[in-house]
């Protein structure tokens, strides 16, 4: 690893440590960071520098979710900081465990759907019914947003539409 990458790596690792993260450098290009948000909640991430010199970030705990690609380690630190703030806020909710359970169910559903598609010849009507169910869930989520009180204002939501 060249000195520039080594220096940049140590800078963003230090930022994450200062934010309270426990950082493990698996190699010069692969990083694992954990935050103990509350007694019951740990948030963890893995990110790596790919061959295009972009950083790919994934949250691994409390449930796995790919975040996206970033141009710099500083951008990774910024998004992790916001994400940890959001989970610290969410840790105060009486519904946190249910939220995590539902997210895990969504993740398992994606894996199950992939198995269905890759292992079976599924008819068109089944795909249509599944799509309708997904549309219904999107509507239910947007309806819930309209009737709920916003609790985090550090950034705008990435996927919820403002209507």
C-alpha atoms as a PDB file:
ATOM      1  CA  UNK A   1       0.000   0.000   0.000  1.00  0.00           C
ATOM      2  CA  UNK A   2       1.457   3.379  -0.912  1.00  0.00           C
ATOM      3  CA  UNK A   3       2.082   6.079   1.696  1.00  0.00           C
ATOM      4  CA  UNK A   4      -0.812   8.285   0.471  1.00  0.00           C
ATOM      5  CA  UNK A   5      -3.395   5.532   0.947  1.00  0.00           C
ATOM      6  CA  UNK A   6      -1.810   4.618   4.304  1.00  0.00           C
ATOM      7  CA  UNK A   7      -1.988   8.243   5.483  1.00  0.00           C
ATOM      8  CA  UNK A   8      -5.567   8.715   4.263  1.00  0.00           C
ATOM      9  CA  UNK A   9      -6.531   5.431   5.900  1.00  0.00           C
ATOM     10  CA  UNK A  10      -5.156   6.417   9.286  1.00  0.00           C
ATOM     11  CA  UNK A  11      -6.948   9.784   9.119  1.00  0.00           C
ATOM     12  CA  UNK A  12     -10.430   8.365   8.610  1.00  0.00           C
ATOM     13  CA  UNK A  13      -9.796   5.548  11.092  1.00  0.00           C
ATOM     14  CA  UNK A  14      -8.908   8.201  13.690  1.00  0.00           C
ATOM     15  CA  UNK A  15     -12.133  10.121  12.891  1.00  0.00           C
ATOM     16  CA  UNK A  16     -14.202   6.983  13.452  1.00  0.00           C
ATOM     17  CA  UNK A  17     -12.395   6.237  16.722  1.00  0.00           C
ATOM     18  CA  UNK A  18     -13.047   9.814  17.880  1.00  0.00           C
ATOM     19  CA  UNK A  19     -16.743   9.254  17.106  1.00  0.00           C
ATOM     20  CA  UNK A  20     -16.675   6.271  19.481  1.00  0.00           C
ATOM     21  CA  UNK A  21     -16.123   3.512  16.961  1.00  0.00           C
ATOM     22  CA  UNK A  22     -14.047   0.393  17.458  1.00  0.00           C
ATOM     23  CA  UNK A  23     -12.204   0.117  14.132  1.00  0.00           C
ATOM     24  CA  UNK A  24     -10.486  -2.977  12.809  1.00  0.00           C
ATOM     25  CA  UNK A  25      -8.376  -2.623   9.674  1.00  0.00           C
ATOM     26  CA  UNK A  26      -8.608  -6.048   8.063  1.00  0.00           C
ATOM     27  CA  UNK A  27      -6.231  -5.017   5.320  1.00  0.00           C
ATOM     28  CA  UNK A  28      -5.161  -1.655   4.005  1.00  0.00           C
ATOM     29  CA  UNK A  29      -8.363  -1.559   1.943  1.00  0.00           C
ATOM     30  CA  UNK A  30     -10.944  -3.312   4.138  1.00  0.00           C
ATOM     31  CA  UNK A  31     -12.331  -1.785   7.339  1.00  0.00           C
ATOM     32  CA  UNK A  32     -14.755  -2.954   9.999  1.00  0.00           C
ATOM     33  CA  UNK A  33     -16.164  -0.499  12.550  1.00  0.00           C
ATOM     34  CA  UNK A  34     -18.573  -1.038  15.457  1.00  0.00           C
ATOM     35  CA  UNK A  35     -20.469   1.391  17.668  1.00  0.00           C
ATOM     36  CA  UNK A  36     -22.140   0.426  20.936  1.00  0.00           C
ATOM     37  CA  UNK A  37     -25.141   2.740  20.608  1.00  0.00           C
ATOM     38  CA  UNK A  38     -26.929   1.527  23.734  1.00  0.00           C
ATOM     39  CA  UNK A  39     -26.790  -1.474  26.050  1.00  0.00           C
ATOM     40  CA  UNK A  40     -29.033  -3.388  23.667  1.00  0.00           C
ATOM     41  CA  UNK A  41     -27.894  -1.998  20.324  1.00  0.00           C
ATOM     42  CA  UNK A  42     -24.687  -2.330  18.370  1.00  0.00           C
ATOM     43  CA  UNK A  43     -24.298  -0.783  14.930  1.00  0.00           C
ATOM     44  CA  UNK A  44     -21.525  -2.083  12.677  1.00  0.00           C
ATOM     45  CA  UNK A  45     -20.216  -1.345   9.199  1.00  0.00           C
ATOM     46  CA  UNK A  46     -17.802  -2.812   6.737  1.00  0.00           C
ATOM     47  CA  UNK A  47     -16.325  -0.821   3.880  1.00  0.00           C
ATOM     48  CA  UNK A  48     -13.596  -1.309   1.380  1.00  0.00           C
ATOM     49  CA  UNK A  49     -11.701   0.551  -1.289  1.00  0.00           C
ATOM     50  CA  UNK A  50     -12.519  -1.033  -4.636  1.00  0.00           C
ATOM     51  CA  UNK A  51     -10.467  -1.156  -7.835  1.00  0.00           C
ATOM     52  CA  UNK A  52     -12.029   2.146  -8.989  1.00  0.00           C
ATOM     53  CA  UNK A  53     -10.722   3.925  -5.857  1.00  0.00           C
ATOM     54  CA  UNK A  54     -14.270   4.240  -4.512  1.00  0.00           C
ATOM     55  CA  UNK A  55     -15.364   3.208  -1.044  1.00  0.00           C
ATOM     56  CA  UNK A  56     -18.273   0.774  -0.801  1.00  0.00           C
ATOM     57  CA  UNK A  57     -20.122   0.887   2.549  1.00  0.00           C
ATOM     58  CA  UNK A  58     -22.421  -1.718   4.038  1.00  0.00           C
ATOM     59  CA  UNK A  59     -24.095  -1.703   7.444  1.00  0.00           C
ATOM     60  CA  UNK A  60     -23.837  -5.197   8.925  1.00  0.00           C
ATOM     61  CA  UNK A  61     -25.570  -4.687  12.294  1.00  0.00           C
ATOM     62  CA  UNK A  62     -28.258  -4.524  13.531  1.00  0.00           C
ATOM     63  CA  UNK A  63     -29.293  -5.861  10.103  1.00  0.00           C
ATOM     64  CA  UNK A  64     -27.384  -6.057   6.816  1.00  0.00           C
ATOM     65  CA  UNK A  65     -27.988  -3.366   4.240  1.00  0.00           C
ATOM     66  CA  UNK A  66     -25.743  -2.063   1.470  1.00  0.00           C
ATOM     67  CA  UNK A  67     -25.468   1.710   1.735  1.00  0.00           C
ATOM     68  CA  UNK A  68     -23.696   2.828  -1.449  1.00  0.00           C
ATOM     69  CA  UNK A  69     -20.394   3.807  -3.002  1.00  0.00           C
ATOM     70  CA  UNK A  70     -18.551   6.956  -1.901  1.00  0.00           C
ATOM     71  CA  UNK A  71     -15.713   8.940  -3.448  1.00  0.00           C
ATOM     72  CA  UNK A  72     -13.788   9.483  -0.228  1.00  0.00           C
ATOM     73  CA  UNK A  73     -13.203   8.129   3.248  1.00  0.00           C
ATOM     74  CA  UNK A  74     -14.418  11.463   4.627  1.00  0.00           C
ATOM     75  CA  UNK A  75     -17.809  10.870   3.003  1.00  0.00           C
ATOM     76  CA  UNK A  76     -17.905   7.438   4.666  1.00  0.00           C
ATOM     77  CA  UNK A  77     -17.203   9.047   8.059  1.00  0.00           C
ATOM     78  CA  UNK A  78     -19.910  11.654   7.482  1.00  0.00           C
ATOM     79  CA  UNK A  79     -22.604   9.128   6.588  1.00  0.00           C
ATOM     80  CA  UNK A  80     -21.622   6.796   9.448  1.00  0.00           C
ATOM     81  CA  UNK A  81     -21.826   9.735  11.870  1.00  0.00           C
ATOM     82  CA  UNK A  82     -25.380  10.518  10.737  1.00  0.00           C
ATOM     83  CA  UNK A  83     -26.380   6.854  10.780  1.00  0.00           C
ATOM     84  CA  UNK A  84     -25.074   6.370  14.327  1.00  0.00           C
ATOM     85  CA  UNK A  85     -26.920   9.527  15.450  1.00  0.00           C
ATOM     86  CA  UNK A  86     -30.107   8.133  13.945  1.00  0.00           C
ATOM     87  CA  UNK A  87     -29.686   4.800  15.723  1.00  0.00           C
ATOM     88  CA  UNK A  88     -28.932   6.552  19.026  1.00  0.00           C
ATOM     89  CA  UNK A  89     -32.212   8.359  18.570  1.00  0.00           C
ATOM     90  CA  UNK A  90     -33.996   5.151  17.547  1.00  0.00           C
ATOM     91  CA  UNK A  91     -32.613   3.363  20.626  1.00  0.00           C
ATOM     92  CA  UNK A  92     -35.041   5.481  22.675  1.00  0.00           C
ATOM     93  CA  UNK A  93     -38.040   4.050  20.836  1.00  0.00           C
ATOM     94  CA  UNK A  94     -40.241   1.412  22.430  1.00  0.00           C
ATOM     95  CA  UNK A  95     -40.534  -0.112  18.946  1.00  0.00           C
ATOM     96  CA  UNK A  96     -36.811  -0.593  18.225  1.00  0.00           C
ATOM     97  CA  UNK A  97     -36.863  -4.376  18.554  1.00  0.00           C
ATOM     98  CA  UNK A  98     -39.907  -4.664  16.276  1.00  0.00           C
ATOM     99  CA  UNK A  99     -38.267  -2.310  13.745  1.00  0.00           C
ATOM    100  CA  UNK A 100     -35.138  -4.484  13.648  1.00  0.00           C
ATOM    101  CA  UNK A 101     -37.209  -7.682  13.413  1.00  0.00           C
ATOM    102  CA  UNK A 102     -39.202  -6.316  10.459  1.00  0.00           C
ATOM    103  CA  UNK A 103     -36.027  -5.179   8.682  1.00  0.00           C
ATOM    104  CA  UNK A 104     -34.562  -8.654   9.170  1.00  0.00           C
ATOM    105  CA  UNK A 105     -37.754 -10.153   7.746  1.00  0.00           C
ATOM    106  CA  UNK A 106     -37.476  -7.900   4.680  1.00  0.00           C
ATOM    107  CA  UNK A 107     -33.883  -9.049   4.209  1.00  0.00           C
ATOM    108  CA  UNK A 108     -34.891 -12.707   4.525  1.00  0.00           C
ATOM    109  CA  UNK A 109     -37.751 -12.111   2.098  1.00  0.00           C
ATOM    110  CA  UNK A 110     -35.299 -10.816  -0.521  1.00  0.00           C
ATOM    111  CA  UNK A 111     -33.185 -13.952  -0.136  1.00  0.00           C
ATOM    112  CA  UNK A 112     -36.268 -16.182  -0.334  1.00  0.00           C
ATOM    113  CA  UNK A 113     -37.547 -14.374  -3.426  1.00  0.00           C
ATOM    114  CA  UNK A 114     -34.163 -14.785  -5.092  1.00  0.00           C
ATOM    115  CA  UNK A 115     -34.242 -18.522  -4.365  1.00  0.00           C
ATOM    116  CA  UNK A 116     -37.748 -18.728  -5.803  1.00  0.00           C
ATOM    117  CA  UNK A 117     -36.683 -17.022  -9.016  1.00  0.00           C
ATOM    118  CA  UNK A 118     -33.353 -18.834  -9.428  1.00  0.00           C
ATOM    119  CA  UNK A 119     -34.638 -22.326  -8.650  1.00  0.00           C
ATOM    120  CA  UNK A 120     -38.185 -22.330 -10.051  1.00  0.00           C
ATOM    121  CA  UNK A 121     -40.035 -21.312 -13.180  1.00  0.00           C
ATOM    122  CA  UNK A 122     -42.556 -18.910 -11.662  1.00  0.00           C
ATOM    123  CA  UNK A 123     -45.685 -17.941 -13.564  1.00  0.00           C
ATOM    124  CA  UNK A 124     -46.527 -14.346 -14.495  1.00  0.00           C
ATOM    125  CA  UNK A 125     -49.563 -14.164 -12.180  1.00  0.00           C
ATOM    126  CA  UNK A 126     -47.397 -14.916  -9.150  1.00  0.00           C
ATOM    127  CA  UNK A 127     -45.041 -12.072 -10.055  1.00  0.00           C
ATOM    128  CA  UNK A 128     -48.028  -9.756 -10.433  1.00  0.00           C
ATOM    129  CA  UNK A 129     -49.382 -10.722  -6.989  1.00  0.00           C
ATOM    130  CA  UNK A 130     -45.977 -10.224  -5.377  1.00  0.00           C
ATOM    131  CA  UNK A 131     -45.628  -6.822  -7.062  1.00  0.00           C
ATOM    132  CA  UNK A 132     -49.072  -5.802  -5.772  1.00  0.00           C
ATOM    133  CA  UNK A 133     -48.067  -6.847  -2.251  1.00  0.00           C
ATOM    134  CA  UNK A 134     -44.899  -4.738  -2.541  1.00  0.00           C
ATOM    135  CA  UNK A 135     -46.927  -1.777  -3.789  1.00  0.00           C
ATOM    136  CA  UNK A 136     -49.271  -2.194  -0.798  1.00  0.00           C
ATOM    137  CA  UNK A 137     -46.322  -2.169   1.613  1.00  0.00           C
ATOM    138  CA  UNK A 138     -44.908   0.983  -0.029  1.00  0.00           C
ATOM    139  CA  UNK A 139     -48.292   2.650   0.385  1.00  0.00           C
ATOM    140  CA  UNK A 140     -48.543   1.561   4.021  1.00  0.00           C
ATOM    141  CA  UNK A 141     -45.051   2.960   4.736  1.00  0.00           C
ATOM    142  CA  UNK A 142     -45.869   6.296   3.062  1.00  0.00           C
ATOM    143  CA  UNK A 143     -49.204   6.474   4.913  1.00  0.00           C
ATOM    144  CA  UNK A 144     -47.370   5.842   8.195  1.00  0.00           C
ATOM    145  CA  UNK A 145     -44.945   8.664   7.384  1.00  0.00           C
ATOM    146  CA  UNK A 146     -47.852  11.047   6.847  1.00  0.00           C
ATOM    147  CA  UNK A 147     -49.385  10.243  10.243  1.00  0.00           C
ATOM    148  CA  UNK A 148     -46.121  10.070  12.248  1.00  0.00           C
ATOM    149  CA  UNK A 149     -44.081  12.798  13.937  1.00  0.00           C
ATOM    150  CA  UNK A 150     -40.624  13.366  12.535  1.00  0.00           C
ATOM    151  CA  UNK A 151     -37.883  12.761  15.128  1.00  0.00           C
ATOM    152  CA  UNK A 152     -34.603  13.271  13.218  1.00  0.00           C
ATOM    153  CA  UNK A 153     -33.674  16.417  11.314  1.00  0.00           C
ATOM    154  CA  UNK A 154     -29.893  16.019  10.753  1.00  0.00           C
ATOM    155  CA  UNK A 155     -30.508  15.195   7.086  1.00  0.00           C
ATOM    156  CA  UNK A 156     -33.381  14.526   4.745  1.00  0.00           C
ATOM    157  CA  UNK A 157     -34.580  10.955   4.176  1.00  0.00           C
ATOM    158  CA  UNK A 158     -33.004   9.236   1.177  1.00  0.00           C
ATOM    159  CA  UNK A 159     -36.021   7.243   0.015  1.00  0.00           C
ATOM    160  CA  UNK A 160     -39.212   8.555   1.572  1.00  0.00           C
ATOM    161  CA  UNK A 161     -40.965  10.940  -0.743  1.00  0.00           C
ATOM    162  CA  UNK A 162     -42.065  14.351   0.509  1.00  0.00           C
ATOM    163  CA  UNK A 163     -45.549  15.056  -0.772  1.00  0.00           C
END
